[in-house]
Amino acid sequence: MNGLQRFMGGSPGQVLLRLVVVSFIVGIVLSALGLTPWEIVDKARQLFFRIWNMGFGAIEWIWTYFLLGAVVVIPVWIILRLLNMNRS
């Protein structure tokens, strides 16, 4: 494996195909939730301005969202790592 493949986690073609498939699936889920790309960009912009305007008071607000996301992301990551160990 060369440096680019190691960085990307596989050949560029395979990674591109995986990203297209995952993007399509996430797009379906976000559409079902009624979200649009512009709403996501607007929410990110609002997040930046809230942090900027609130200063250090935003740290607690960010921490709450971090914990909310971590409750989902960390278990999924652990499961995926365990499944990948079985493949090796």
PDB file of N, CA and C in Angstrom:
ATOM      1  N   MET A   1       0.841  -1.176   0.000  1.00  0.00           N
ATOM      2  CA  MET A   1       0.000   0.000   0.000  1.00  0.00           C
ATOM      3  C   MET A   1       0.891   1.246   0.000  1.00  0.00           C
ATOM      4  N   ASN A   2       0.661   2.157  -0.915  1.00  0.00           N
ATOM      5  CA  ASN A   2       1.436   3.392  -0.920  1.00  0.00           C
ATOM      6  C   ASN A   2       0.839   4.397   0.065  1.00  0.00           C
ATOM      7  N   GLY A   3       1.477   5.556   0.187  1.00  0.00           N
ATOM      8  CA  GLY A   3       1.053   6.555   1.168  1.00  0.00           C
ATOM      9  C   GLY A   3      -0.362   7.049   0.952  1.00  0.00           C
ATOM     10  N   LEU A   4      -0.732   7.270  -0.310  1.00  0.00           N
ATOM     11  CA  LEU A   4      -2.083   7.764  -0.609  1.00  0.00           C
ATOM     12  C   LEU A   4      -3.132   6.728  -0.222  1.00  0.00           C
ATOM     13  N   GLN A   5      -2.887   5.481  -0.567  1.00  0.00           N
ATOM     14  CA  GLN A   5      -3.842   4.430  -0.212  1.00  0.00           C
ATOM     15  C   GLN A   5      -3.931   4.260   1.296  1.00  0.00           C
ATOM     16  N   ARG A   6      -2.809   4.363   1.978  1.00  0.00           N
ATOM     17  CA  ARG A   6      -2.813   4.235   3.434  1.00  0.00           C
ATOM     18  C   ARG A   6      -3.599   5.395   4.051  1.00  0.00           C
ATOM     19  N   PHE A   7      -3.395   6.599   3.519  1.00  0.00           N
ATOM     20  CA  PHE A   7      -4.106   7.776   4.024  1.00  0.00           C
ATOM     21  C   PHE A   7      -5.605   7.651   3.788  1.00  0.00           C
ATOM     22  N   MET A   8      -6.003   7.204   2.607  1.00  0.00           N
ATOM     23  CA  MET A   8      -7.423   7.141   2.247  1.00  0.00           C
ATOM     24  C   MET A   8      -8.115   5.901   2.806  1.00  0.00           C
ATOM     25  N   GLY A   9      -7.357   4.890   3.178  1.00  0.00           N
ATOM     26  CA  GLY A   9      -7.964   3.668   3.697  1.00  0.00           C
ATOM     27  C   GLY A   9      -8.305   2.667   2.611  1.00  0.00           C
ATOM     28  N   GLY A  10      -7.667   2.752   1.485  1.00  0.00           N
ATOM     29  CA  GLY A  10      -7.894   1.846   0.360  1.00  0.00           C
ATOM     30  C   GLY A  10      -7.574   2.569  -0.932  1.00  0.00           C
ATOM     31  N   SER A  11      -7.884   1.916  -2.023  1.00  0.00           N
ATOM     32  CA  SER A  11      -7.613   2.554  -3.313  1.00  0.00           C
ATOM     33  C   SER A  11      -8.574   3.723  -3.507  1.00  0.00           C
ATOM     34  N   PRO A  12      -8.134   4.763  -4.211  1.00  0.00           N
ATOM     35  CA  PRO A  12      -9.006   5.931  -4.406  1.00  0.00           C
ATOM     36  C   PRO A  12     -10.363   5.586  -5.021  1.00  0.00           C
ATOM     37  N   GLY A  13     -10.397   4.655  -5.955  1.00  0.00           N
ATOM     38  CA  GLY A  13     -11.667   4.267  -6.570  1.00  0.00           C
ATOM     39  C   GLY A  13     -12.618   3.633  -5.571  1.00  0.00           C
ATOM     40  N   GLN A  14     -12.093   2.734  -4.745  1.00  0.00           N
ATOM     41  CA  GLN A  14     -12.934   2.077  -3.740  1.00  0.00           C
ATOM     42  C   GLN A  14     -13.432   3.075  -2.708  1.00  0.00           C
ATOM     43  N   VAL A  15     -12.549   3.965  -2.284  1.00  0.00           N
ATOM     44  CA  VAL A  15     -12.940   4.970  -1.295  1.00  0.00           C
ATOM     45  C   VAL A  15     -14.001   5.894  -1.882  1.00  0.00           C
ATOM     46  N   LEU A  16     -13.827   6.309  -3.119  1.00  0.00           N
ATOM     47  CA  LEU A  16     -14.807   7.171  -3.775  1.00  0.00           C
ATOM     48  C   LEU A  16     -16.163   6.478  -3.857  1.00  0.00           C
ATOM     49  N   LEU A  17     -16.168   5.207  -4.237  1.00  0.00           N
ATOM     50  CA  LEU A  17     -17.416   4.457  -4.322  1.00  0.00           C
ATOM     51  C   LEU A  17     -18.089   4.363  -2.956  1.00  0.00           C
ATOM     52  N   ARG A  18     -17.308   4.069  -1.905  1.00  0.00           N
ATOM     53  CA  ARG A  18     -17.867   3.990  -0.558  1.00  0.00           C
ATOM     54  C   ARG A  18     -18.447   5.335  -0.129  1.00  0.00           C
ATOM     55  N   LEU A  19     -17.722   6.413  -0.423  1.00  0.00           N
ATOM     56  CA  LEU A  19     -18.214   7.738  -0.052  1.00  0.00           C
ATOM     57  C   LEU A  19     -19.498   8.090  -0.788  1.00  0.00           C
ATOM     58  N   VAL A  20     -19.602   7.700  -2.049  1.00  0.00           N
ATOM     59  CA  VAL A  20     -20.822   7.958  -2.814  1.00  0.00           C
ATOM     60  C   VAL A  20     -21.994   7.201  -2.200  1.00  0.00           C
ATOM     61  N   VAL A  21     -21.797   5.944  -1.873  1.00  0.00           N
ATOM     62  CA  VAL A  21     -22.878   5.121  -1.303  1.00  0.00           C
ATOM     63  C   VAL A  21     -23.297   5.654   0.063  1.00  0.00           C
ATOM     64  N   VAL A  22     -22.322   5.944   0.918  1.00  0.00           N
ATOM     65  CA  VAL A  22     -22.648   6.448   2.260  1.00  0.00           C
ATOM     66  C   VAL A  22     -23.322   7.813   2.156  1.00  0.00           C
ATOM     67  N   SER A  23     -22.845   8.668   1.250  1.00  0.00           N
ATOM     68  CA  SER A  23     -23.459   9.979   1.064  1.00  0.00           C
ATOM     69  C   SER A  23     -24.914   9.839   0.617  1.00  0.00           C
ATOM     70  N   PHE A  24     -25.175   8.895  -0.266  1.00  0.00           N
ATOM     71  CA  PHE A  24     -26.536   8.655  -0.730  1.00  0.00           C
ATOM     72  C   PHE A  24     -27.435   8.208   0.425  1.00  0.00           C
ATOM     73  N   ILE A  25     -26.951   7.294   1.240  1.00  0.00           N
ATOM     74  CA  ILE A  25     -27.740   6.783   2.372  1.00  0.00           C
ATOM     75  C   ILE A  25     -27.995   7.890   3.390  1.00  0.00           C
ATOM     76  N   VAL A  26     -26.948   8.663   3.727  1.00  0.00           N
ATOM     77  CA  VAL A  26     -27.118   9.761   4.675  1.00  0.00           C
ATOM     78  C   VAL A  26     -28.072  10.808   4.090  1.00  0.00           C
ATOM     79  N   GLY A  27     -28.001  11.042   2.785  1.00  0.00           N
ATOM     80  CA  GLY A  27     -28.919  11.972   2.139  1.00  0.00           C
ATOM     81  C   GLY A  27     -30.365  11.534   2.273  1.00  0.00           C
ATOM     82  N   ILE A  28     -30.615  10.240   2.121  1.00  0.00           N
ATOM     83  CA  ILE A  28     -31.970   9.712   2.288  1.00  0.00           C
ATOM     84  C   ILE A  28     -32.455   9.937   3.719  1.00  0.00           C
ATOM     85  N   VAL A  29     -31.588   9.643   4.693  1.00  0.00           N
ATOM     86  CA  VAL A  29     -31.965   9.809   6.099  1.00  0.00           C
ATOM     87  C   VAL A  29     -32.236  11.281   6.413  1.00  0.00           C
ATOM     88  N   LEU A  30     -31.342  12.166   5.966  1.00  0.00           N
ATOM     89  CA  LEU A  30     -31.534  13.586   6.236  1.00  0.00           C
ATOM     90  C   LEU A  30     -32.787  14.118   5.541  1.00  0.00           C
ATOM     91  N   SER A  31     -33.063  13.625   4.354  1.00  0.00           N
ATOM     92  CA  SER A  31     -34.277  14.029   3.655  1.00  0.00           C
ATOM     93  C   SER A  31     -35.513  13.565   4.413  1.00  0.00           C
ATOM     94  N   ALA A  32     -35.465  12.353   4.944  1.00  0.00           N
ATOM     95  CA  ALA A  32     -36.585  11.845   5.730  1.00  0.00           C
ATOM     96  C   ALA A  32     -36.798  12.676   6.986  1.00  0.00           C
ATOM     97  N   LEU A  33     -35.726  13.250   7.497  1.00  0.00           N
ATOM     98  CA  LEU A  33     -35.826  14.115   8.674  1.00  0.00           C
ATOM     99  C   LEU A  33     -36.212  15.545   8.308  1.00  0.00           C
ATOM    100  N   GLY A  34     -36.319  15.805   7.012  1.00  0.00           N
ATOM    101  CA  GLY A  34     -36.732  17.124   6.555  1.00  0.00           C
ATOM    102  C   GLY A  34     -35.620  18.161   6.529  1.00  0.00           C
ATOM    103  N   LEU A  35     -34.380  17.719   6.474  1.00  0.00           N
ATOM    104  CA  LEU A  35     -33.253  18.648   6.447  1.00  0.00           C
ATOM    105  C   LEU A  35     -32.775  18.871   5.021  1.00  0.00           C
ATOM    106  N   THR A  36     -32.322  20.078   4.758  1.00  0.00           N
ATOM    107  CA  THR A  36     -31.743  20.394   3.458  1.00  0.00           C
ATOM    108  C   THR A  36     -30.284  20.788   3.664  1.00  0.00           C
ATOM    109  N   PRO A  37     -29.474  20.730   2.606  1.00  0.00           N
ATOM    110  CA  PRO A  37     -28.068  21.145   2.749  1.00  0.00           C
ATOM    111  C   PRO A  37     -27.944  22.587   3.229  1.00  0.00           C
ATOM    112  N   TRP A  38     -28.836  23.462   2.789  1.00  0.00           N
ATOM    113  CA  TRP A  38     -28.750  24.868   3.203  1.00  0.00           C
ATOM    114  C   TRP A  38     -29.054  25.029   4.680  1.00  0.00           C
ATOM    115  N   GLU A  39     -29.965  24.210   5.211  1.00  0.00           N
ATOM    116  CA  GLU A  39     -30.253  24.271   6.646  1.00  0.00           C
ATOM    117  C   GLU A  39     -29.044  23.837   7.464  1.00  0.00           C
ATOM    118  N   ILE A  40     -28.348  22.807   6.976  1.00  0.00           N
ATOM    119  CA  ILE A  40     -27.157  22.340   7.692  1.00  0.00           C
ATOM    120  C   ILE A  40     -26.082  23.416   7.679  1.00  0.00           C
ATOM    121  N   VAL A  41     -25.873  24.059   6.537  1.00  0.00           N
ATOM    122  CA  VAL A  41     -24.892  25.144   6.445  1.00  0.00           C
ATOM    123  C   VAL A  41     -25.311  26.297   7.352  1.00  0.00           C
ATOM    124  N   ASP A  42     -26.596  26.627   7.356  1.00  0.00           N
ATOM    125  CA  ASP A  42     -27.083  27.714   8.199  1.00  0.00           C
ATOM    126  C   ASP A  42     -26.900  27.385   9.679  1.00  0.00           C
ATOM    127  N   LYS A  43     -27.174  26.151  10.062  1.00  0.00           N
ATOM    128  CA  LYS A  43     -26.988  25.743  11.464  1.00  0.00           C
ATOM    129  C   LYS A  43     -25.514  25.808  11.852  1.00  0.00           C
ATOM    130  N   ALA A  44     -24.615  25.428  10.956  1.00  0.00           N
ATOM    131  CA  ALA A  44     -23.180  25.528  11.235  1.00  0.00           C
ATOM    132  C   ALA A  44     -22.775  26.990  11.411  1.00  0.00           C
ATOM    133  N   ARG A  45     -23.325  27.862  10.568  1.00  0.00           N
ATOM    134  CA  ARG A  45     -23.050  29.295  10.677  1.00  0.00           C
ATOM    135  C   ARG A  45     -23.578  29.825  12.003  1.00  0.00           C
ATOM    136  N   GLN A  46     -24.784  29.418  12.364  1.00  0.00           N
ATOM    137  CA  GLN A  46     -25.356  29.839  13.644  1.00  0.00           C
ATOM    138  C   GLN A  46     -24.508  29.356  14.813  1.00  0.00           C
ATOM    139  N   LEU A  47     -24.003  28.116  14.707  1.00  0.00           N
ATOM    140  CA  LEU A  47     -23.133  27.577  15.741  1.00  0.00           C
ATOM    141  C   LEU A  47     -21.902  28.457  15.907  1.00  0.00           C
ATOM    142  N   PHE A  48     -21.267  28.828  14.804  1.00  0.00           N
ATOM    143  CA  PHE A  48     -20.084  29.671  14.856  1.00  0.00           C
ATOM    144  C   PHE A  48     -20.397  31.002  15.529  1.00  0.00           C
ATOM    145  N   PHE A  49     -21.498  31.643  15.129  1.00  0.00           N
ATOM    146  CA  PHE A  49     -21.842  32.943  15.692  1.00  0.00           C
ATOM    147  C   PHE A  49     -22.251  32.847  17.154  1.00  0.00           C
ATOM    148  N   ARG A  50     -22.922  31.770  17.529  1.00  0.00           N
ATOM    149  CA  ARG A  50     -23.265  31.589  18.947  1.00  0.00           C
ATOM    150  C   ARG A  50     -22.002  31.456  19.790  1.00  0.00           C
ATOM    151  N   ILE A  51     -21.059  30.661  19.304  1.00  0.00           N
ATOM    152  CA  ILE A  51     -19.795  30.510  20.033  1.00  0.00           C
ATOM    153  C   ILE A  51     -19.097  31.861  20.134  1.00  0.00           C
ATOM    154  N   TRP A  52     -19.061  32.576  19.034  1.00  0.00           N
ATOM    155  CA  TRP A  52     -18.393  33.877  19.005  1.00  0.00           C
ATOM    156  C   TRP A  52     -19.079  34.863  19.957  1.00  0.00           C
ATOM    157  N   ASN A  53     -20.399  34.901  19.921  1.00  0.00           N
ATOM    158  CA  ASN A  53     -21.132  35.876  20.727  1.00  0.00           C
ATOM    159  C   ASN A  53     -21.230  35.492  22.205  1.00  0.00           C
ATOM    160  N   MET A  54     -21.241  34.227  22.509  1.00  0.00           N
ATOM    161  CA  MET A  54     -21.413  33.797  23.883  1.00  0.00           C
ATOM    162  C   MET A  54     -20.080  33.613  24.599  1.00  0.00           C
ATOM    163  N   GLY A  55     -19.006  33.516  23.850  1.00  0.00           N
ATOM    164  CA  GLY A  55     -17.707  33.340  24.494  1.00  0.00           C
ATOM    165  C   GLY A  55     -17.620  32.011  25.200  1.00  0.00           C
ATOM    166  N   PHE A  56     -17.113  32.059  26.423  1.00  0.00           N
ATOM    167  CA  PHE A  56     -16.874  30.816  27.149  1.00  0.00           C
ATOM    168  C   PHE A  56     -18.157  30.166  27.649  1.00  0.00           C
ATOM    169  N   GLY A  57     -19.256  30.885  27.671  1.00  0.00           N
ATOM    170  CA  GLY A  57     -20.530  30.288  28.050  1.00  0.00           C
ATOM    171  C   GLY A  57     -20.975  29.237  27.049  1.00  0.00           C
ATOM    172  N   ALA A  58     -20.426  29.320  25.837  1.00  0.00           N
ATOM    173  CA  ALA A  58     -20.771  28.356  24.798  1.00  0.00           C
ATOM    174  C   ALA A  58     -20.117  27.002  25.037  1.00  0.00           C
ATOM    175  N   ILE A  59     -19.093  26.970  25.870  1.00  0.00           N
ATOM    176  CA  ILE A  59     -18.400  25.696  26.098  1.00  0.00           C
ATOM    177  C   ILE A  59     -19.362  24.647  26.662  1.00  0.00           C
ATOM    178  N   GLU A  60     -20.198  25.064  27.607  1.00  0.00           N
ATOM    179  CA  GLU A  60     -21.177  24.123  28.162  1.00  0.00           C
ATOM    180  C   GLU A  60     -22.166  23.669  27.090  1.00  0.00           C
ATOM    181  N   TRP A  61     -22.594  24.595  26.250  1.00  0.00           N
ATOM    182  CA  TRP A  61     -23.521  24.280  25.168  1.00  0.00           C
ATOM    183  C   TRP A  61     -22.881  23.295  24.198  1.00  0.00           C
ATOM    184  N   ILE A  62     -21.616  23.517  23.848  1.00  0.00           N
ATOM    185  CA  ILE A  62     -20.896  22.612  22.944  1.00  0.00           C
ATOM    186  C   ILE A  62     -20.712  21.254  23.598  1.00  0.00           C
ATOM    187  N   TRP A  63     -20.365  21.251  24.881  1.00  0.00           N
ATOM    188  CA  TRP A  63     -20.144  19.999  25.606  1.00  0.00           C
ATOM    189  C   TRP A  63     -21.412  19.144  25.582  1.00  0.00           C
ATOM    190  N   THR A  64     -22.573  19.774  25.739  1.00  0.00           N
ATOM    191  CA  THR A  64     -23.838  19.037  25.714  1.00  0.00           C
ATOM    192  C   THR A  64     -24.047  18.357  24.366  1.00  0.00           C
ATOM    193  N   TYR A  65     -23.796  19.091  23.279  1.00  0.00           N
ATOM    194  CA  TYR A  65     -23.936  18.499  21.952  1.00  0.00           C
ATOM    195  C   TYR A  65     -22.891  17.429  21.704  1.00  0.00           C
ATOM    196  N   PHE A  66     -21.686  17.651  22.211  1.00  0.00           N
ATOM    197  CA  PHE A  66     -20.635  16.645  22.065  1.00  0.00           C
ATOM    198  C   PHE A  66     -21.060  15.345  22.736  1.00  0.00           C
ATOM    199  N   LEU A  67     -21.539  15.435  23.952  1.00  0.00           N
ATOM    200  CA  LEU A  67     -21.967  14.228  24.671  1.00  0.00           C
ATOM    201  C   LEU A  67     -23.133  13.555  23.968  1.00  0.00           C
ATOM    202  N   LEU A  68     -24.065  14.348  23.464  1.00  0.00           N
ATOM    203  CA  LEU A  68     -25.207  13.791  22.740  1.00  0.00           C
ATOM    204  C   LEU A  68     -24.732  13.004  21.519  1.00  0.00           C
ATOM    205  N   GLY A  69     -23.807  13.560  20.758  1.00  0.00           N
ATOM    206  CA  GLY A  69     -23.270  12.861  19.597  1.00  0.00           C
ATOM    207  C   GLY A  69     -22.426  11.666  19.974  1.00  0.00           C
ATOM    208  N   ALA A  70     -21.637  11.806  21.035  1.00  0.00           N
ATOM    209  CA  ALA A  70     -20.748  10.722  21.452  1.00  0.00           C
ATOM    210  C   ALA A  70     -21.521   9.485  21.893  1.00  0.00           C
ATOM    211  N   VAL A  71     -22.703   9.684  22.431  1.00  0.00           N
ATOM    212  CA  VAL A  71     -23.531   8.554  22.860  1.00  0.00           C
ATOM    213  C   VAL A  71     -23.850   7.646  21.673  1.00  0.00           C
ATOM    214  N   VAL A  72     -23.932   8.210  20.488  1.00  0.00           N
ATOM    215  CA  VAL A  72     -24.218   7.434  19.284  1.00  0.00           C
ATOM    216  C   VAL A  72     -22.930   7.018  18.590  1.00  0.00           C
ATOM    217  N   VAL A  73     -22.002   7.952  18.423  1.00  0.00           N
ATOM    218  CA  VAL A  73     -20.810   7.717  17.599  1.00  0.00           C
ATOM    219  C   VAL A  73     -19.863   6.697  18.225  1.00  0.00           C
ATOM    220  N   ILE A  74     -19.589   6.805  19.499  1.00  0.00           N
ATOM    221  CA  ILE A  74     -18.601   5.928  20.130  1.00  0.00           C
ATOM    222  C   ILE A  74     -19.038   4.457  20.082  1.00  0.00           C
ATOM    223  N   PRO A  75     -20.266   4.104  20.457  1.00  0.00           N
ATOM    224  CA  PRO A  75     -20.661   2.691  20.342  1.00  0.00           C
ATOM    225  C   PRO A  75     -20.623   2.174  18.899  1.00  0.00           C
ATOM    226  N   VAL A  76     -21.041   3.000  17.939  1.00  0.00           N
ATOM    227  CA  VAL A  76     -21.005   2.579  16.537  1.00  0.00           C
ATOM    228  C   VAL A  76     -19.560   2.350  16.115  1.00  0.00           C
ATOM    229  N   TRP A  77     -18.653   3.243  16.516  1.00  0.00           N
ATOM    230  CA  TRP A  77     -17.235   3.091  16.180  1.00  0.00           C
ATOM    231  C   TRP A  77     -16.674   1.807  16.782  1.00  0.00           C
ATOM    232  N   ILE A  78     -17.015   1.526  18.032  1.00  0.00           N
ATOM    233  CA  ILE A  78     -16.520   0.299  18.683  1.00  0.00           C
ATOM    234  C   ILE A  78     -17.033  -0.936  17.946  1.00  0.00           C
ATOM    235  N   ILE A  79     -18.301  -0.933  17.590  1.00  0.00           N
ATOM    236  CA  ILE A  79     -18.874  -2.073  16.866  1.00  0.00           C
ATOM    237  C   ILE A  79     -18.178  -2.257  15.523  1.00  0.00           C
ATOM    238  N   LEU A  80     -17.965  -1.158  14.792  1.00  0.00           N
ATOM    239  CA  LEU A  80     -17.287  -1.252  13.493  1.00  0.00           C
ATOM    240  C   LEU A  80     -15.863  -1.755  13.647  1.00  0.00           C
ATOM    241  N   ARG A  81     -15.147  -1.306  14.670  1.00  0.00           N
ATOM    242  CA  ARG A  81     -13.786  -1.776  14.892  1.00  0.00           C
ATOM    243  C   ARG A  81     -13.782  -3.275  15.218  1.00  0.00           C
ATOM    244  N   LEU A  82     -14.738  -3.711  16.027  1.00  0.00           N
ATOM    245  CA  LEU A  82     -14.811  -5.137  16.354  1.00  0.00           C
ATOM    246  C   LEU A  82     -15.139  -5.975  15.132  1.00  0.00           C
ATOM    247  N   LEU A  83     -16.031  -5.476  14.280  1.00  0.00           N
ATOM    248  CA  LEU A  83     -16.361  -6.198  13.053  1.00  0.00           C
ATOM    249  C   LEU A  83     -15.158  -6.246  12.112  1.00  0.00           C
ATOM    250  N   ASN A  84     -14.376  -5.174  12.056  1.00  0.00           N
ATOM    251  CA  ASN A  84     -13.182  -5.155  11.213  1.00  0.00           C
ATOM    252  C   ASN A  84     -12.109  -6.076  11.751  1.00  0.00           C
ATOM    253  N   MET A  85     -12.053  -6.269  13.067  1.00  0.00           N
ATOM    254  CA  MET A  85     -11.068  -7.197  13.639  1.00  0.00           C
ATOM    255  C   MET A  85     -11.376  -8.627  13.201  1.00  0.00           C
ATOM    256  N   ASN A  86     -12.649  -8.953  13.108  1.00  0.00           N
ATOM    257  CA  ASN A  86     -13.037 -10.307  12.711  1.00  0.00           C
ATOM    258  C   ASN A  86     -12.685 -10.570  11.249  1.00  0.00           C
ATOM    259  N   ARG A  87     -12.650  -9.528  10.409  1.00  0.00           N
ATOM    260  CA  ARG A  87     -12.304  -9.699   9.011  1.00  0.00           C
ATOM    261  C   ARG A  87     -10.808  -9.954   8.822  1.00  0.00           C
ATOM    262  N   SER A  88     -10.010  -9.391   9.693  1.00  0.00           N
ATOM    263  CA  SER A  88      -8.551  -9.505   9.542  1.00  0.00           C
ATOM    264  C   SER A  88      -8.030 -10.842   9.958  1.00  0.00           C
TER     265      SER A  88
END
